[in-house]
Amino acid sequence: MLALLVSVAVIVLQGMSLATIHSSVQQASALVPDYASLQVWRVVLLAAGLGCWICPLVRRKEPHVAGLLLGLLLVLGGEIIGRGLFYGLHMTVGMAVAG
């Protein structure tokens, strides 16, 4: 949970400075125009996935396999969104886009 909170802080800081990052060809904010909404989806999926694991433990019950599997799928979905954002923000200096 602490790592998720740190990630949210990093997301906010990166989102605020995204418009100032640019190369000679393009601006970073133009590479992923839906950055904010995708990050919100990522955090929601990660929090829900962690909740599937933590909620049974808080209630002092054994987590069910189905709940753990659902949590795994939610976390993987959130991380796939994160990977897409990471690679979508890749900027190579001097490379022209579409020509």
N, C-alpha and C. Protein backbone atom coordinates (compact mmCIF):
# COMPACT_ATOMS: atom_id res chain seq x y z
N MET A 1 0.83 -1.19 0.00
CA MET A 1 0.00 0.00 0.00
C MET A 1 0.87 1.26 0.00
N LEU A 2 1.99 1.18 0.73
CA LEU A 2 2.90 2.31 0.76
C LEU A 2 3.48 2.58 -0.63
N ALA A 3 3.82 1.52 -1.35
CA ALA A 3 4.35 1.69 -2.70
C ALA A 3 3.31 2.31 -3.63
N LEU A 4 2.05 1.95 -3.45
CA LEU A 4 0.99 2.54 -4.27
C LEU A 4 0.85 4.04 -3.97
N LEU A 5 0.95 4.43 -2.71
CA LEU A 5 0.87 5.84 -2.35
C LEU A 5 2.06 6.63 -2.92
N VAL A 6 3.24 6.03 -2.87
CA VAL A 6 4.41 6.69 -3.47
C VAL A 6 4.22 6.81 -4.98
N SER A 7 3.67 5.78 -5.61
CA SER A 7 3.41 5.83 -7.05
C SER A 7 2.44 6.95 -7.40
N VAL A 8 1.42 7.14 -6.59
CA VAL A 8 0.46 8.22 -6.84
C VAL A 8 1.16 9.57 -6.75
N ALA A 9 2.05 9.73 -5.77
CA ALA A 9 2.79 10.99 -5.66
C ALA A 9 3.67 11.23 -6.88
N VAL A 10 4.32 10.18 -7.36
CA VAL A 10 5.17 10.30 -8.55
C VAL A 10 4.33 10.61 -9.78
N ILE A 11 3.15 9.99 -9.89
CA ILE A 11 2.26 10.25 -11.01
C ILE A 11 1.84 11.71 -11.04
N VAL A 12 1.51 12.25 -9.88
CA VAL A 12 1.09 13.66 -9.82
C VAL A 12 2.24 14.57 -10.21
N LEU A 13 3.42 14.31 -9.68
CA LEU A 13 4.57 15.15 -10.01
C LEU A 13 4.94 15.04 -11.49
N GLN A 14 4.90 13.83 -12.03
CA GLN A 14 5.22 13.65 -13.45
C GLN A 14 4.16 14.32 -14.32
N GLY A 15 2.91 14.20 -13.94
CA GLY A 15 1.84 14.83 -14.71
C GLY A 15 1.95 16.34 -14.76
N MET A 16 2.41 16.93 -13.65
CA MET A 16 2.56 18.38 -13.61
C MET A 16 3.72 18.85 -14.48
N SER A 17 4.76 18.05 -14.62
CA SER A 17 5.92 18.48 -15.40
C SER A 17 5.95 17.91 -16.80
N LEU A 18 4.94 17.17 -17.19
CA LEU A 18 4.94 16.52 -18.50
C LEU A 18 4.95 17.53 -19.64
N ALA A 19 4.29 18.65 -19.46
CA ALA A 19 4.22 19.65 -20.53
C ALA A 19 5.56 20.35 -20.75
N THR A 20 6.46 20.29 -19.79
CA THR A 20 7.75 20.96 -19.93
C THR A 20 8.81 20.07 -20.58
N ILE A 21 8.50 18.79 -20.78
CA ILE A 21 9.45 17.86 -21.39
C ILE A 21 9.22 17.85 -22.89
N HIS A 22 10.27 18.11 -23.66
CA HIS A 22 10.12 18.13 -25.12
C HIS A 22 11.44 17.81 -25.79
N SER A 23 11.35 17.40 -27.03
CA SER A 23 12.53 17.20 -27.86
C SER A 23 12.47 18.24 -28.98
N SER A 24 13.36 18.09 -29.94
CA SER A 24 13.34 19.03 -31.05
C SER A 24 12.15 18.80 -31.97
N VAL A 25 11.49 17.67 -31.81
CA VAL A 25 10.40 17.31 -32.70
C VAL A 25 9.03 17.43 -32.05
N GLN A 26 8.90 17.01 -30.79
CA GLN A 26 7.57 16.93 -30.18
C GLN A 26 7.63 17.15 -28.69
N GLN A 27 6.45 17.35 -28.12
CA GLN A 27 6.30 17.54 -26.69
C GLN A 27 5.79 16.25 -26.08
N ALA A 28 6.24 15.93 -24.88
CA ALA A 28 5.87 14.67 -24.23
C ALA A 28 4.37 14.56 -24.00
N SER A 29 3.71 15.65 -23.68
CA SER A 29 2.27 15.60 -23.42
C SER A 29 1.48 15.26 -24.68
N ALA A 30 2.05 15.49 -25.86
CA ALA A 30 1.37 15.14 -27.11
C ALA A 30 1.47 13.65 -27.42
N LEU A 31 2.45 12.97 -26.83
CA LEU A 31 2.62 11.54 -27.10
C LEU A 31 1.51 10.70 -26.48
N VAL A 32 1.09 11.07 -25.28
CA VAL A 32 0.02 10.35 -24.59
C VAL A 32 -1.01 11.38 -24.13
N PRO A 33 -1.95 11.74 -25.01
CA PRO A 33 -2.90 12.80 -24.65
C PRO A 33 -3.86 12.40 -23.53
N ASP A 34 -4.09 11.12 -23.33
CA ASP A 34 -4.99 10.65 -22.26
C ASP A 34 -4.22 10.23 -21.02
N TYR A 35 -3.08 10.85 -20.77
CA TYR A 35 -2.20 10.46 -19.68
C TYR A 35 -2.92 10.43 -18.33
N ALA A 36 -3.65 11.48 -18.01
CA ALA A 36 -4.29 11.58 -16.69
C ALA A 36 -5.35 10.49 -16.50
N SER A 37 -6.21 10.30 -17.47
CA SER A 37 -7.27 9.29 -17.31
C SER A 37 -6.69 7.88 -17.27
N LEU A 38 -5.66 7.62 -18.07
CA LEU A 38 -5.03 6.30 -18.03
C LEU A 38 -4.35 6.04 -16.68
N GLN A 39 -3.74 7.06 -16.11
CA GLN A 39 -3.12 6.90 -14.79
C GLN A 39 -4.18 6.67 -13.71
N VAL A 40 -5.32 7.34 -13.84
CA VAL A 40 -6.40 7.10 -12.87
C VAL A 40 -6.87 5.65 -12.96
N TRP A 41 -7.07 5.16 -14.19
CA TRP A 41 -7.47 3.75 -14.37
C TRP A 41 -6.42 2.81 -13.79
N ARG A 42 -5.16 3.14 -14.02
CA ARG A 42 -4.07 2.30 -13.51
C ARG A 42 -4.11 2.21 -11.98
N VAL A 43 -4.24 3.36 -11.32
CA VAL A 43 -4.25 3.37 -9.86
C VAL A 43 -5.49 2.66 -9.32
N VAL A 44 -6.64 2.86 -9.97
CA VAL A 44 -7.87 2.19 -9.52
C VAL A 44 -7.73 0.67 -9.63
N LEU A 45 -7.19 0.20 -10.76
CA LEU A 45 -7.01 -1.25 -10.93
C LEU A 45 -6.02 -1.81 -9.91
N LEU A 46 -4.93 -1.09 -9.68
CA LEU A 46 -3.95 -1.56 -8.70
C LEU A 46 -4.53 -1.58 -7.29
N ALA A 47 -5.27 -0.54 -6.92
CA ALA A 47 -5.87 -0.50 -5.59
C ALA A 47 -6.92 -1.59 -5.42
N ALA A 48 -7.72 -1.83 -6.45
CA ALA A 48 -8.72 -2.90 -6.37
C ALA A 48 -8.06 -4.27 -6.28
N GLY A 49 -6.98 -4.46 -7.01
CA GLY A 49 -6.26 -5.72 -6.95
C GLY A 49 -5.65 -5.96 -5.57
N LEU A 50 -5.06 -4.91 -5.01
CA LEU A 50 -4.54 -5.04 -3.65
C LEU A 50 -5.65 -5.26 -2.64
N GLY A 51 -6.79 -4.65 -2.88
CA GLY A 51 -7.93 -4.83 -1.99
C GLY A 51 -8.43 -6.27 -1.96
N CYS A 52 -8.35 -6.94 -3.11
CA CYS A 52 -8.77 -8.35 -3.16
C CYS A 52 -7.89 -9.22 -2.28
N TRP A 53 -6.68 -8.80 -2.03
CA TRP A 53 -5.77 -9.57 -1.18
C TRP A 53 -5.83 -9.10 0.28
N ILE A 54 -5.91 -7.77 0.49
CA ILE A 54 -5.82 -7.22 1.83
C ILE A 54 -7.13 -7.32 2.61
N CYS A 55 -8.27 -7.12 1.96
CA CYS A 55 -9.56 -7.14 2.68
C CYS A 55 -9.81 -8.43 3.44
N PRO A 56 -9.60 -9.60 2.86
CA PRO A 56 -9.78 -10.82 3.66
C PRO A 56 -8.81 -10.90 4.84
N LEU A 57 -7.61 -10.41 4.67
CA LEU A 57 -6.65 -10.44 5.78
C LEU A 57 -7.06 -9.52 6.91
N VAL A 58 -7.64 -8.36 6.57
CA VAL A 58 -8.12 -7.43 7.60
C VAL A 58 -9.27 -8.05 8.38
N ARG A 59 -10.12 -8.80 7.69
CA ARG A 59 -11.25 -9.47 8.35
C ARG A 59 -10.84 -10.78 9.02
N ARG A 60 -9.53 -11.07 9.00
CA ARG A 60 -8.96 -12.27 9.60
C ARG A 60 -9.55 -13.55 9.02
N LYS A 61 -9.72 -13.54 7.70
CA LYS A 61 -10.21 -14.71 6.99
C LYS A 61 -9.19 -15.13 5.95
N GLU A 62 -9.23 -16.37 5.57
CA GLU A 62 -8.35 -16.89 4.53
C GLU A 62 -8.83 -16.38 3.17
N PRO A 63 -7.94 -15.77 2.38
CA PRO A 63 -8.35 -15.30 1.05
C PRO A 63 -8.71 -16.49 0.15
N HIS A 64 -9.80 -16.34 -0.61
CA HIS A 64 -10.21 -17.38 -1.54
C HIS A 64 -9.35 -17.30 -2.80
N VAL A 65 -9.18 -18.43 -3.43
CA VAL A 65 -8.37 -18.49 -4.65
C VAL A 65 -8.98 -17.60 -5.74
N ALA A 66 -10.30 -17.60 -5.84
CA ALA A 66 -10.95 -16.77 -6.86
C ALA A 66 -10.68 -15.28 -6.61
N GLY A 67 -10.71 -14.86 -5.37
CA GLY A 67 -10.42 -13.46 -5.04
C GLY A 67 -8.98 -13.10 -5.33
N LEU A 68 -8.07 -14.03 -5.03
CA LEU A 68 -6.66 -13.78 -5.32
C LEU A 68 -6.41 -13.74 -6.82
N LEU A 69 -7.09 -14.60 -7.57
CA LEU A 69 -6.95 -14.60 -9.02
C LEU A 69 -7.50 -13.30 -9.61
N LEU A 70 -8.64 -12.86 -9.11
CA LEU A 70 -9.19 -11.58 -9.56
C LEU A 70 -8.23 -10.44 -9.23
N GLY A 71 -7.65 -10.45 -8.03
CA GLY A 71 -6.67 -9.44 -7.66
C GLY A 71 -5.46 -9.45 -8.57
N LEU A 72 -4.99 -10.65 -8.91
CA LEU A 72 -3.86 -10.77 -9.82
C LEU A 72 -4.19 -10.18 -11.18
N LEU A 73 -5.38 -10.48 -11.70
CA LEU A 73 -5.78 -9.96 -13.00
C LEU A 73 -5.91 -8.43 -12.98
N LEU A 74 -6.43 -7.89 -11.88
CA LEU A 74 -6.56 -6.44 -11.77
C LEU A 74 -5.18 -5.76 -11.71
N VAL A 75 -4.28 -6.34 -10.93
CA VAL A 75 -2.93 -5.77 -10.84
C VAL A 75 -2.21 -5.87 -12.18
N LEU A 76 -2.33 -7.01 -12.86
CA LEU A 76 -1.72 -7.15 -14.18
C LEU A 76 -2.30 -6.14 -15.17
N GLY A 77 -3.61 -5.92 -15.13
CA GLY A 77 -4.24 -4.92 -16.00
C GLY A 77 -3.70 -3.53 -15.73
N GLY A 78 -3.56 -3.18 -14.45
CA GLY A 78 -3.00 -1.88 -14.10
C GLY A 78 -1.56 -1.72 -14.55
N GLU A 79 -0.79 -2.79 -14.41
CA GLU A 79 0.61 -2.73 -14.83
C GLU A 79 0.75 -2.70 -16.35
N ILE A 80 -0.14 -3.32 -17.06
CA ILE A 80 -0.11 -3.24 -18.53
C ILE A 80 -0.39 -1.81 -18.98
N ILE A 81 -1.33 -1.16 -18.32
CA ILE A 81 -1.58 0.25 -18.63
C ILE A 81 -0.32 1.07 -18.33
N GLY A 82 0.34 0.80 -17.20
CA GLY A 82 1.57 1.50 -16.86
C GLY A 82 2.66 1.29 -17.88
N ARG A 83 2.80 0.06 -18.36
CA ARG A 83 3.80 -0.22 -19.40
C ARG A 83 3.47 0.52 -20.68
N GLY A 84 2.20 0.55 -21.05
CA GLY A 84 1.79 1.29 -22.24
C GLY A 84 2.12 2.77 -22.13
N LEU A 85 1.89 3.34 -20.96
CA LEU A 85 2.23 4.75 -20.75
C LEU A 85 3.74 4.96 -20.81
N PHE A 86 4.49 4.06 -20.19
CA PHE A 86 5.93 4.19 -20.19
C PHE A 86 6.50 4.17 -21.61
N TYR A 87 6.09 3.19 -22.39
CA TYR A 87 6.60 3.09 -23.75
C TYR A 87 5.98 4.14 -24.67
N GLY A 88 4.78 4.59 -24.36
CA GLY A 88 4.16 5.66 -25.14
C GLY A 88 4.86 6.99 -24.97
N LEU A 89 5.52 7.18 -23.83
CA LEU A 89 6.23 8.43 -23.58
C LEU A 89 7.67 8.40 -24.06
N HIS A 90 8.07 7.34 -24.72
CA HIS A 90 9.45 7.24 -25.21
C HIS A 90 9.70 8.30 -26.28
N MET A 91 10.75 9.05 -26.06
CA MET A 91 11.11 10.10 -27.02
C MET A 91 12.55 9.86 -27.46
N THR A 92 12.75 9.86 -28.75
CA THR A 92 14.09 9.72 -29.31
C THR A 92 14.45 11.06 -29.95
N VAL A 93 15.53 11.65 -29.51
CA VAL A 93 15.94 12.95 -30.02
C VAL A 93 16.31 12.85 -31.50
N GLY A 94 15.73 13.75 -32.29
CA GLY A 94 16.06 13.81 -33.70
C GLY A 94 15.23 12.94 -34.61
N MET A 95 14.38 12.07 -34.06
CA MET A 95 13.56 11.21 -34.89
C MET A 95 12.31 11.96 -35.31
N ALA A 96 12.04 12.01 -36.57
CA ALA A 96 10.84 12.66 -37.06
C ALA A 96 9.66 11.70 -36.98
N VAL A 97 8.51 12.24 -36.66
CA VAL A 97 7.31 11.43 -36.55
C VAL A 97 6.61 11.42 -37.91
N ALA A 98 6.27 10.26 -38.40
CA ALA A 98 5.54 10.08 -39.67
C ALA A 98 6.25 10.75 -40.84
N GLY A 99 7.50 10.55 -40.93
CA GLY A 99 8.17 11.06 -42.11
C GLY A 99 9.42 11.75 -41.79
